[in-house]
PDB file of all heavy atoms in Angstrom:
ATOM      1  N   GLY A   1     -11.751  -2.224  13.161  1.00  0.00           N
ATOM      2  CA  GLY A   1     -11.625  -3.587  13.657  1.00  0.00           C
ATOM      3  C   GLY A   1     -11.255  -4.619  12.616  1.00  0.00           C
ATOM      4  O   GLY A   1     -11.151  -5.805  12.941  1.00  0.00           O
ATOM      5  N   MET A   2     -11.036  -4.199  11.366  1.00  0.00           N
ATOM      6  CA  MET A   2     -10.653  -5.110  10.285  1.00  0.00           C
ATOM      7  C   MET A   2      -9.206  -4.852   9.894  1.00  0.00           C
ATOM      8  O   MET A   2      -8.699  -3.735  10.033  1.00  0.00           O
ATOM      9  CB  MET A   2     -11.559  -4.912   9.069  1.00  0.00           C
ATOM     10  CG  MET A   2     -13.029  -5.159   9.346  1.00  0.00           C
ATOM     11  SD  MET A   2     -13.426  -6.909   9.503  1.00  0.00           S
ATOM     12  CE  MET A   2     -13.172  -7.449   7.801  1.00  0.00           C
ATOM     13  N   THR A   3      -8.538  -5.892   9.420  1.00  0.00           N
ATOM     14  CA  THR A   3      -7.177  -5.738   8.911  1.00  0.00           C
ATOM     15  C   THR A   3      -7.161  -6.060   7.425  1.00  0.00           C
ATOM     16  O   THR A   3      -7.889  -6.940   6.953  1.00  0.00           O
ATOM     17  CB  THR A   3      -6.187  -6.645   9.650  1.00  0.00           C
ATOM     18  OG1 THR A   3      -6.607  -8.015   9.512  1.00  0.00           O
ATOM     19  CG2 THR A   3      -6.111  -6.284  11.110  1.00  0.00           C
ATOM     20  N   TYR A   4      -6.307  -5.338   6.696  1.00  0.00           N
ATOM     21  CA  TYR A   4      -6.240  -5.469   5.245  1.00  0.00           C
ATOM     22  C   TYR A   4      -4.787  -5.623   4.803  1.00  0.00           C
ATOM     23  O   TYR A   4      -3.943  -4.767   5.089  1.00  0.00           O
ATOM     24  CB  TYR A   4      -6.843  -4.229   4.568  1.00  0.00           C
ATOM     25  CG  TYR A   4      -8.290  -3.993   4.904  1.00  0.00           C
ATOM     26  CD1 TYR A   4      -8.644  -3.280   6.055  1.00  0.00           C
ATOM     27  CD2 TYR A   4      -9.305  -4.488   4.102  1.00  0.00           C
ATOM     28  CE1 TYR A   4      -9.980  -3.059   6.372  1.00  0.00           C
ATOM     29  CE2 TYR A   4     -10.640  -4.272   4.407  1.00  0.00           C
ATOM     30  CZ  TYR A   4     -10.967  -3.558   5.542  1.00  0.00           C
ATOM     31  OH  TYR A   4     -12.289  -3.340   5.859  1.00  0.00           O
ATOM     32  N   GLY A   5      -4.522  -6.719   4.101  1.00  0.00           N
ATOM     33  CA  GLY A   5      -3.218  -6.903   3.477  1.00  0.00           C
ATOM     34  C   GLY A   5      -2.104  -7.255   4.435  1.00  0.00           C
ATOM     35  O   GLY A   5      -2.242  -7.181   5.664  1.00  0.00           O
ATOM     36  N   GLN A   6      -0.969  -7.645   3.838  1.00  0.00           N
ATOM     37  CA  GLN A   6       0.255  -7.933   4.573  1.00  0.00           C
ATOM     38  C   GLN A   6       1.421  -7.138   3.993  1.00  0.00           C
ATOM     39  O   GLN A   6       2.131  -6.454   4.707  1.00  0.00           O
ATOM     40  CB  GLN A   6       0.542  -9.431   4.515  1.00  0.00           C
ATOM     41  CG  GLN A   6      -0.477 -10.273   5.280  1.00  0.00           C
ATOM     42  CD  GLN A   6      -0.256 -11.753   5.066  1.00  0.00           C
ATOM     43  OE1 GLN A   6      -0.544 -12.284   3.998  1.00  0.00           O
ATOM     44  NE2 GLN A   6       0.283 -12.426   6.072  1.00  0.00           N
ATOM     45  N   LYS A   7       1.578  -7.226   2.683  1.00  0.00           N
ATOM     46  CA  LYS A   7       2.645  -6.466   2.025  1.00  0.00           C
ATOM     47  C   LYS A   7       2.213  -5.014   1.870  1.00  0.00           C
ATOM     48  O   LYS A   7       1.083  -4.723   1.495  1.00  0.00           O
ATOM     49  CB  LYS A   7       2.955  -7.083   0.657  1.00  0.00           C
ATOM     50  CG  LYS A   7       3.439  -8.507   0.743  1.00  0.00           C
ATOM     51  CD  LYS A   7       3.520  -9.165  -0.613  1.00  0.00           C
ATOM     52  CE  LYS A   7       4.603  -8.574  -1.484  1.00  0.00           C
ATOM     53  NZ  LYS A   7       4.738  -9.321  -2.755  1.00  0.00           N
ATOM     54  N   ARG A   8       3.140  -4.107   2.153  1.00  0.00           N
ATOM     55  CA  ARG A   8       2.818  -2.688   2.115  1.00  0.00           C
ATOM     56  C   ARG A   8       3.816  -1.949   1.232  1.00  0.00           C
ATOM     57  O   ARG A   8       5.029  -2.148   1.325  1.00  0.00           O
ATOM     58  CB  ARG A   8       2.857  -2.110   3.536  1.00  0.00           C
ATOM     59  CG  ARG A   8       2.513  -0.625   3.632  1.00  0.00           C
ATOM     60  CD  ARG A   8       2.279  -0.225   5.089  1.00  0.00           C
ATOM     61  NE  ARG A   8       3.451  -0.453   5.902  1.00  0.00           N
ATOM     62  CZ  ARG A   8       4.213   0.515   6.443  1.00  0.00           C
ATOM     63  NH1 ARG A   8       3.908   1.783   6.231  1.00  0.00           N
ATOM     64  NH2 ARG A   8       5.245   0.214   7.185  1.00  0.00           N
ATOM     65  N   TYR A   9       3.290  -1.096   0.356  1.00  0.00           N
ATOM     66  CA  TYR A   9       4.121  -0.277  -0.522  1.00  0.00           C
ATOM     67  C   TYR A   9       3.805   1.193  -0.302  1.00  0.00           C
ATOM     68  O   TYR A   9       2.679   1.560   0.080  1.00  0.00           O
ATOM     69  CB  TYR A   9       3.843  -0.595  -1.995  1.00  0.00           C
ATOM     70  CG  TYR A   9       4.332  -1.942  -2.478  1.00  0.00           C
ATOM     71  CD1 TYR A   9       3.550  -3.074  -2.329  1.00  0.00           C
ATOM     72  CD2 TYR A   9       5.572  -2.066  -3.107  1.00  0.00           C
ATOM     73  CE1 TYR A   9       3.976  -4.310  -2.788  1.00  0.00           C
ATOM     74  CE2 TYR A   9       6.007  -3.302  -3.572  1.00  0.00           C
ATOM     75  CZ  TYR A   9       5.208  -4.416  -3.408  1.00  0.00           C
ATOM     76  OH  TYR A   9       5.644  -5.637  -3.860  1.00  0.00           O
ATOM     77  N   ARG A  10       4.794   2.036  -0.580  1.00  0.00           N
ATOM     78  CA  ARG A  10       4.586   3.478  -0.624  1.00  0.00           C
ATOM     79  C   ARG A  10       4.842   3.954  -2.048  1.00  0.00           C
ATOM     80  O   ARG A  10       5.896   3.691  -2.614  1.00  0.00           O
ATOM     81  CB  ARG A  10       5.526   4.209   0.340  1.00  0.00           C
ATOM     82  CG  ARG A  10       5.257   5.720   0.372  1.00  0.00           C
ATOM     83  CD  ARG A  10       6.087   6.445   1.411  1.00  0.00           C
ATOM     84  NE  ARG A  10       7.453   6.684   0.960  1.00  0.00           N
ATOM     85  CZ  ARG A  10       8.535   6.094   1.462  1.00  0.00           C
ATOM     86  NH1 ARG A  10       8.414   5.196   2.432  1.00  0.00           N
ATOM     87  NH2 ARG A  10       9.735   6.373   1.004  1.00  0.00           N
ATOM     88  N   LEU A  11       3.864   4.620  -2.627  1.00  0.00           N
ATOM     89  CA  LEU A  11       4.002   5.168  -3.966  1.00  0.00           C
ATOM     90  C   LEU A  11       4.127   6.684  -3.854  1.00  0.00           C
ATOM     91  O   LEU A  11       3.186   7.363  -3.445  1.00  0.00           O
ATOM     92  CB  LEU A  11       2.786   4.794  -4.824  1.00  0.00           C
ATOM     93  CG  LEU A  11       2.783   5.305  -6.265  1.00  0.00           C
ATOM     94  CD1 LEU A  11       3.959   4.722  -7.053  1.00  0.00           C
ATOM     95  CD2 LEU A  11       1.466   4.977  -6.958  1.00  0.00           C
ATOM     96  N   ASN A  12       5.307   7.203  -4.194  1.00  0.00           N
ATOM     97  CA  ASN A  12       5.535   8.645  -4.198  1.00  0.00           C
ATOM     98  C   ASN A  12       5.239   9.186  -5.596  1.00  0.00           C
ATOM     99  O   ASN A  12       5.768   8.686  -6.594  1.00  0.00           O
ATOM    100  CB  ASN A  12       6.985   8.968  -3.831  1.00  0.00           C
ATOM    101  CG  ASN A  12       7.348   8.482  -2.441  1.00  0.00           C
ATOM    102  OD1 ASN A  12       6.530   8.525  -1.523  1.00  0.00           O
ATOM    103  ND2 ASN A  12       8.569   8.001  -2.267  1.00  0.00           N
ATOM    104  N   VAL A  13       4.398  10.208  -5.671  1.00  0.00           N
ATOM    105  CA  VAL A  13       3.999  10.789  -6.950  1.00  0.00           C
ATOM    106  C   VAL A  13       4.341  12.270  -6.937  1.00  0.00           C
ATOM    107  O   VAL A  13       3.894  13.016  -6.052  1.00  0.00           O
ATOM    108  CB  VAL A  13       2.492  10.601  -7.208  1.00  0.00           C
ATOM    109  CG1 VAL A  13       2.118  11.178  -8.573  1.00  0.00           C
ATOM    110  CG2 VAL A  13       2.120   9.129  -7.125  1.00  0.00           C
ATOM    111  N   GLY A  14       5.151  12.692  -7.905  1.00  0.00           N
ATOM    112  CA  GLY A  14       5.563  14.088  -7.930  1.00  0.00           C
ATOM    113  C   GLY A  14       6.323  14.452  -6.669  1.00  0.00           C
ATOM    114  O   GLY A  14       7.052  13.642  -6.097  1.00  0.00           O
ATOM    115  N   GLU A  15       6.125  15.679  -6.203  1.00  0.00           N
ATOM    116  CA  GLU A  15       6.870  16.164  -5.042  1.00  0.00           C
ATOM    117  C   GLU A  15       6.129  16.008  -3.721  1.00  0.00           C
ATOM    118  O   GLU A  15       6.763  16.022  -2.666  1.00  0.00           O
ATOM    119  CB  GLU A  15       7.225  17.651  -5.245  1.00  0.00           C
ATOM    120  CG  GLU A  15       8.166  17.897  -6.433  1.00  0.00           C
ATOM    121  CD  GLU A  15       8.525  19.350  -6.579  1.00  0.00           C
ATOM    122  OE1 GLU A  15       7.994  20.181  -5.792  1.00  0.00           O
ATOM    123  OE2 GLU A  15       9.332  19.689  -7.464  1.00  0.00           O
ATOM    124  N   ASP A  16       4.806  15.842  -3.760  1.00  0.00           N
ATOM    125  CA  ASP A  16       4.095  15.926  -2.478  1.00  0.00           C
ATOM    126  C   ASP A  16       2.951  14.934  -2.300  1.00  0.00           C
ATOM    127  O   ASP A  16       2.197  15.034  -1.332  1.00  0.00           O
ATOM    128  CB  ASP A  16       3.552  17.349  -2.281  1.00  0.00           C
ATOM    129  CG  ASP A  16       2.673  17.805  -3.439  1.00  0.00           C
ATOM    130  OD1 ASP A  16       2.421  16.999  -4.352  1.00  0.00           O
ATOM    131  OD2 ASP A  16       2.234  18.972  -3.412  1.00  0.00           O
ATOM    132  N   ILE A  17       2.806  13.965  -3.185  1.00  0.00           N
ATOM    133  CA  ILE A  17       1.725  12.984  -3.028  1.00  0.00           C
ATOM    134  C   ILE A  17       2.313  11.647  -2.594  1.00  0.00           C
ATOM    135  O   ILE A  17       3.256  11.142  -3.200  1.00  0.00           O
ATOM    136  CB  ILE A  17       0.937  12.803  -4.340  1.00  0.00           C
ATOM    137  CG1 ILE A  17       0.237  14.105  -4.717  1.00  0.00           C
ATOM    138  CG2 ILE A  17      -0.096  11.671  -4.199  1.00  0.00           C
ATOM    139  CD1 ILE A  17      -0.429  14.067  -6.072  1.00  0.00           C
ATOM    140  N   VAL A  18       1.772  11.096  -1.526  1.00  0.00           N
ATOM    141  CA  VAL A  18       2.195   9.785  -1.024  1.00  0.00           C
ATOM    142  C   VAL A  18       0.954   8.905  -0.915  1.00  0.00           C
ATOM    143  O   VAL A  18      -0.035   9.271  -0.269  1.00  0.00           O
ATOM    144  CB  VAL A  18       2.880   9.889   0.356  1.00  0.00           C
ATOM    145  CG1 VAL A  18       3.229   8.500   0.877  1.00  0.00           C
ATOM    146  CG2 VAL A  18       4.131  10.757   0.257  1.00  0.00           C
ATOM    147  N   ILE A  19       1.017   7.738  -1.545  1.00  0.00           N
ATOM    148  CA  ILE A  19      -0.095   6.788  -1.527  1.00  0.00           C
ATOM    149  C   ILE A  19       0.415   5.490  -0.916  1.00  0.00           C
ATOM    150  O   ILE A  19       1.403   4.920  -1.374  1.00  0.00           O
ATOM    151  CB  ILE A  19      -0.623   6.529  -2.948  1.00  0.00           C
ATOM    152  CG1 ILE A  19      -1.101   7.836  -3.582  1.00  0.00           C
ATOM    153  CG2 ILE A  19      -1.763   5.504  -2.919  1.00  0.00           C
ATOM    154  CD1 ILE A  19      -1.435   7.716  -5.056  1.00  0.00           C
ATOM    155  N   GLN A  20      -0.260   5.026   0.130  1.00  0.00           N
ATOM    156  CA  GLN A  20       0.070   3.746   0.759  1.00  0.00           C
ATOM    157  C   GLN A  20      -0.835   2.660   0.162  1.00  0.00           C
ATOM    158  O   GLN A  20      -2.044   2.867   0.008  1.00  0.00           O
ATOM    159  CB  GLN A  20      -0.141   3.812   2.270  1.00  0.00           C
ATOM    160  CG  GLN A  20       0.723   4.830   2.984  1.00  0.00           C
ATOM    161  CD  GLN A  20       2.155   4.330   3.194  1.00  0.00           C
ATOM    162  OE1 GLN A  20       2.450   3.160   3.022  1.00  0.00           O
ATOM    163  NE2 GLN A  20       3.034   5.247   3.581  1.00  0.00           N
ATOM    164  N   LEU A  21      -0.225   1.513  -0.157  1.00  0.00           N
ATOM    165  CA  LEU A  21      -0.963   0.417  -0.781  1.00  0.00           C
ATOM    166  C   LEU A  21      -0.686  -0.882  -0.044  1.00  0.00           C
ATOM    167  O   LEU A  21       0.456  -1.141   0.365  1.00  0.00           O
ATOM    168  CB  LEU A  21      -0.546   0.264  -2.248  1.00  0.00           C
ATOM    169  CG  LEU A  21      -0.878   1.452  -3.160  1.00  0.00           C
ATOM    170  CD1 LEU A  21       0.031   1.462  -4.371  1.00  0.00           C
ATOM    171  CD2 LEU A  21      -2.338   1.404  -3.585  1.00  0.00           C
ATOM    172  N   TRP A  22      -1.731  -1.702   0.109  1.00  0.00           N
ATOM    173  CA  TRP A  22      -1.592  -2.994   0.792  1.00  0.00           C
ATOM    174  C   TRP A  22      -2.046  -4.125  -0.128  1.00  0.00           C
ATOM    175  O   TRP A  22      -3.037  -3.990  -0.855  1.00  0.00           O
ATOM    176  CB  TRP A  22      -2.439  -3.017   2.063  1.00  0.00           C
ATOM    177  CG  TRP A  22      -1.868  -2.232   3.196  1.00  0.00           C
ATOM    178  CD1 TRP A  22      -1.091  -2.705   4.227  1.00  0.00           C
ATOM    179  CD2 TRP A  22      -2.011  -0.831   3.445  1.00  0.00           C
ATOM    180  NE1 TRP A  22      -0.757  -1.690   5.082  1.00  0.00           N
ATOM    181  CE2 TRP A  22      -1.304  -0.523   4.631  1.00  0.00           C
ATOM    182  CE3 TRP A  22      -2.683   0.192   2.764  1.00  0.00           C
ATOM    183  CZ2 TRP A  22      -1.249   0.754   5.159  1.00  0.00           C
ATOM    184  CZ3 TRP A  22      -2.618   1.474   3.279  1.00  0.00           C
ATOM    185  CH2 TRP A  22      -1.914   1.751   4.468  1.00  0.00           C
ATOM    186  N   TYR A  23      -1.301  -5.264  -0.044  1.00  0.00           N
ATOM    187  CA  TYR A  23      -1.581  -6.447  -0.859  1.00  0.00           C
ATOM    188  C   TYR A  23      -1.474  -7.687   0.014  1.00  0.00           C
ATOM    189  O   TYR A  23      -0.782  -7.685   1.036  1.00  0.00           O
ATOM    190  CB  TYR A  23      -0.586  -6.557  -2.021  1.00  0.00           C
ATOM    191  CG  TYR A  23      -0.613  -5.367  -2.949  1.00  0.00           C
ATOM    192  CD1 TYR A  23       0.105  -4.212  -2.657  1.00  0.00           C
ATOM    193  CD2 TYR A  23      -1.362  -5.398  -4.121  1.00  0.00           C
ATOM    194  CE1 TYR A  23       0.073  -3.112  -3.503  1.00  0.00           C
ATOM    195  CE2 TYR A  23      -1.392  -4.315  -4.975  1.00  0.00           C
ATOM    196  CZ  TYR A  23      -0.677  -3.168  -4.665  1.00  0.00           C
ATOM    197  OH  TYR A  23      -0.710  -2.071  -5.495  1.00  0.00           O
ATOM    198  N   ASP A  24      -2.142  -8.759  -0.421  1.00  0.00           N
ATOM    199  CA  ASP A  24      -1.941 -10.021   0.282  1.00  0.00           C
ATOM    200  C   ASP A  24      -0.668 -10.691  -0.243  1.00  0.00           C
ATOM    201  O   ASP A  24       0.056 -10.117  -1.068  1.00  0.00           O
ATOM    202  CB  ASP A  24      -3.174 -10.925   0.170  1.00  0.00           C
ATOM    203  CG  ASP A  24      -3.453 -11.401  -1.252  1.00  0.00           C
ATOM    204  OD1 ASP A  24      -2.578 -11.262  -2.129  1.00  0.00           O
ATOM    205  OD2 ASP A  24      -4.565 -11.931  -1.490  1.00  0.00           O
ATOM    206  N   VAL A  25      -0.391 -11.904   0.224  1.00  0.00           N
ATOM    207  CA  VAL A  25       0.861 -12.567  -0.141  1.00  0.00           C
ATOM    208  C   VAL A  25       0.927 -12.873  -1.626  1.00  0.00           C
ATOM    209  O   VAL A  25       2.007 -13.058  -2.192  1.00  0.00           O
ATOM    210  CB  VAL A  25       1.063 -13.857   0.677  1.00  0.00           C
ATOM    211  CG1 VAL A  25       1.292 -13.520   2.141  1.00  0.00           C
ATOM    212  CG2 VAL A  25      -0.118 -14.806   0.508  1.00  0.00           C
ATOM    213  N   ASP A  26      -0.222 -12.913  -2.298  1.00  0.00           N
ATOM    214  CA  ASP A  26      -0.264 -13.188  -3.736  1.00  0.00           C
ATOM    215  C   ASP A  26      -0.350 -11.918  -4.569  1.00  0.00           C
ATOM    216  O   ASP A  26      -0.673 -11.964  -5.761  1.00  0.00           O
ATOM    217  CB  ASP A  26      -1.466 -14.089  -4.057  1.00  0.00           C
ATOM    218  CG  ASP A  26      -1.347 -15.460  -3.396  1.00  0.00           C
ATOM    219  OD1 ASP A  26      -0.225 -15.997  -3.362  1.00  0.00           O
ATOM    220  OD2 ASP A  26      -2.374 -15.972  -2.913  1.00  0.00           O
ATOM    221  N   ASN A  27      -0.067 -10.774  -3.937  1.00  0.00           N
ATOM    222  CA  ASN A  27      -0.101  -9.474  -4.610  1.00  0.00           C
ATOM    223  C   ASN A  27      -1.488  -9.077  -5.092  1.00  0.00           C
ATOM    224  O   ASN A  27      -1.637  -8.328  -6.066  1.00  0.00           O
ATOM    225  CB  ASN A  27       0.891  -9.425  -5.783  1.00  0.00           C
ATOM    226  CG  ASN A  27       2.302  -9.157  -5.314  1.00  0.00           C
ATOM    227  OD1 ASN A  27       2.514  -8.581  -4.245  1.00  0.00           O
ATOM    228  ND2 ASN A  27       3.281  -9.574  -6.102  1.00  0.00           N
ATOM    229  N   SER A  28      -2.532  -9.563  -4.413  1.00  0.00           N
ATOM    230  CA  SER A  28      -3.889  -9.117  -4.707  1.00  0.00           C
ATOM    231  C   SER A  28      -4.167  -7.850  -3.897  1.00  0.00           C
ATOM    232  O   SER A  28      -4.011  -7.837  -2.674  1.00  0.00           O
ATOM    233  CB  SER A  28      -4.896 -10.214  -4.349  1.00  0.00           C
ATOM    234  OG  SER A  28      -6.209  -9.789  -4.633  1.00  0.00           O
TER     235      SER A  28
END
């Protein structure tokens, strides 16, 4: 029921790891 962040990034690491990251408008 909570929302986190607005900006969303995908960090690909090596061949098979994917990490999703969320930040607010100020990149926090």
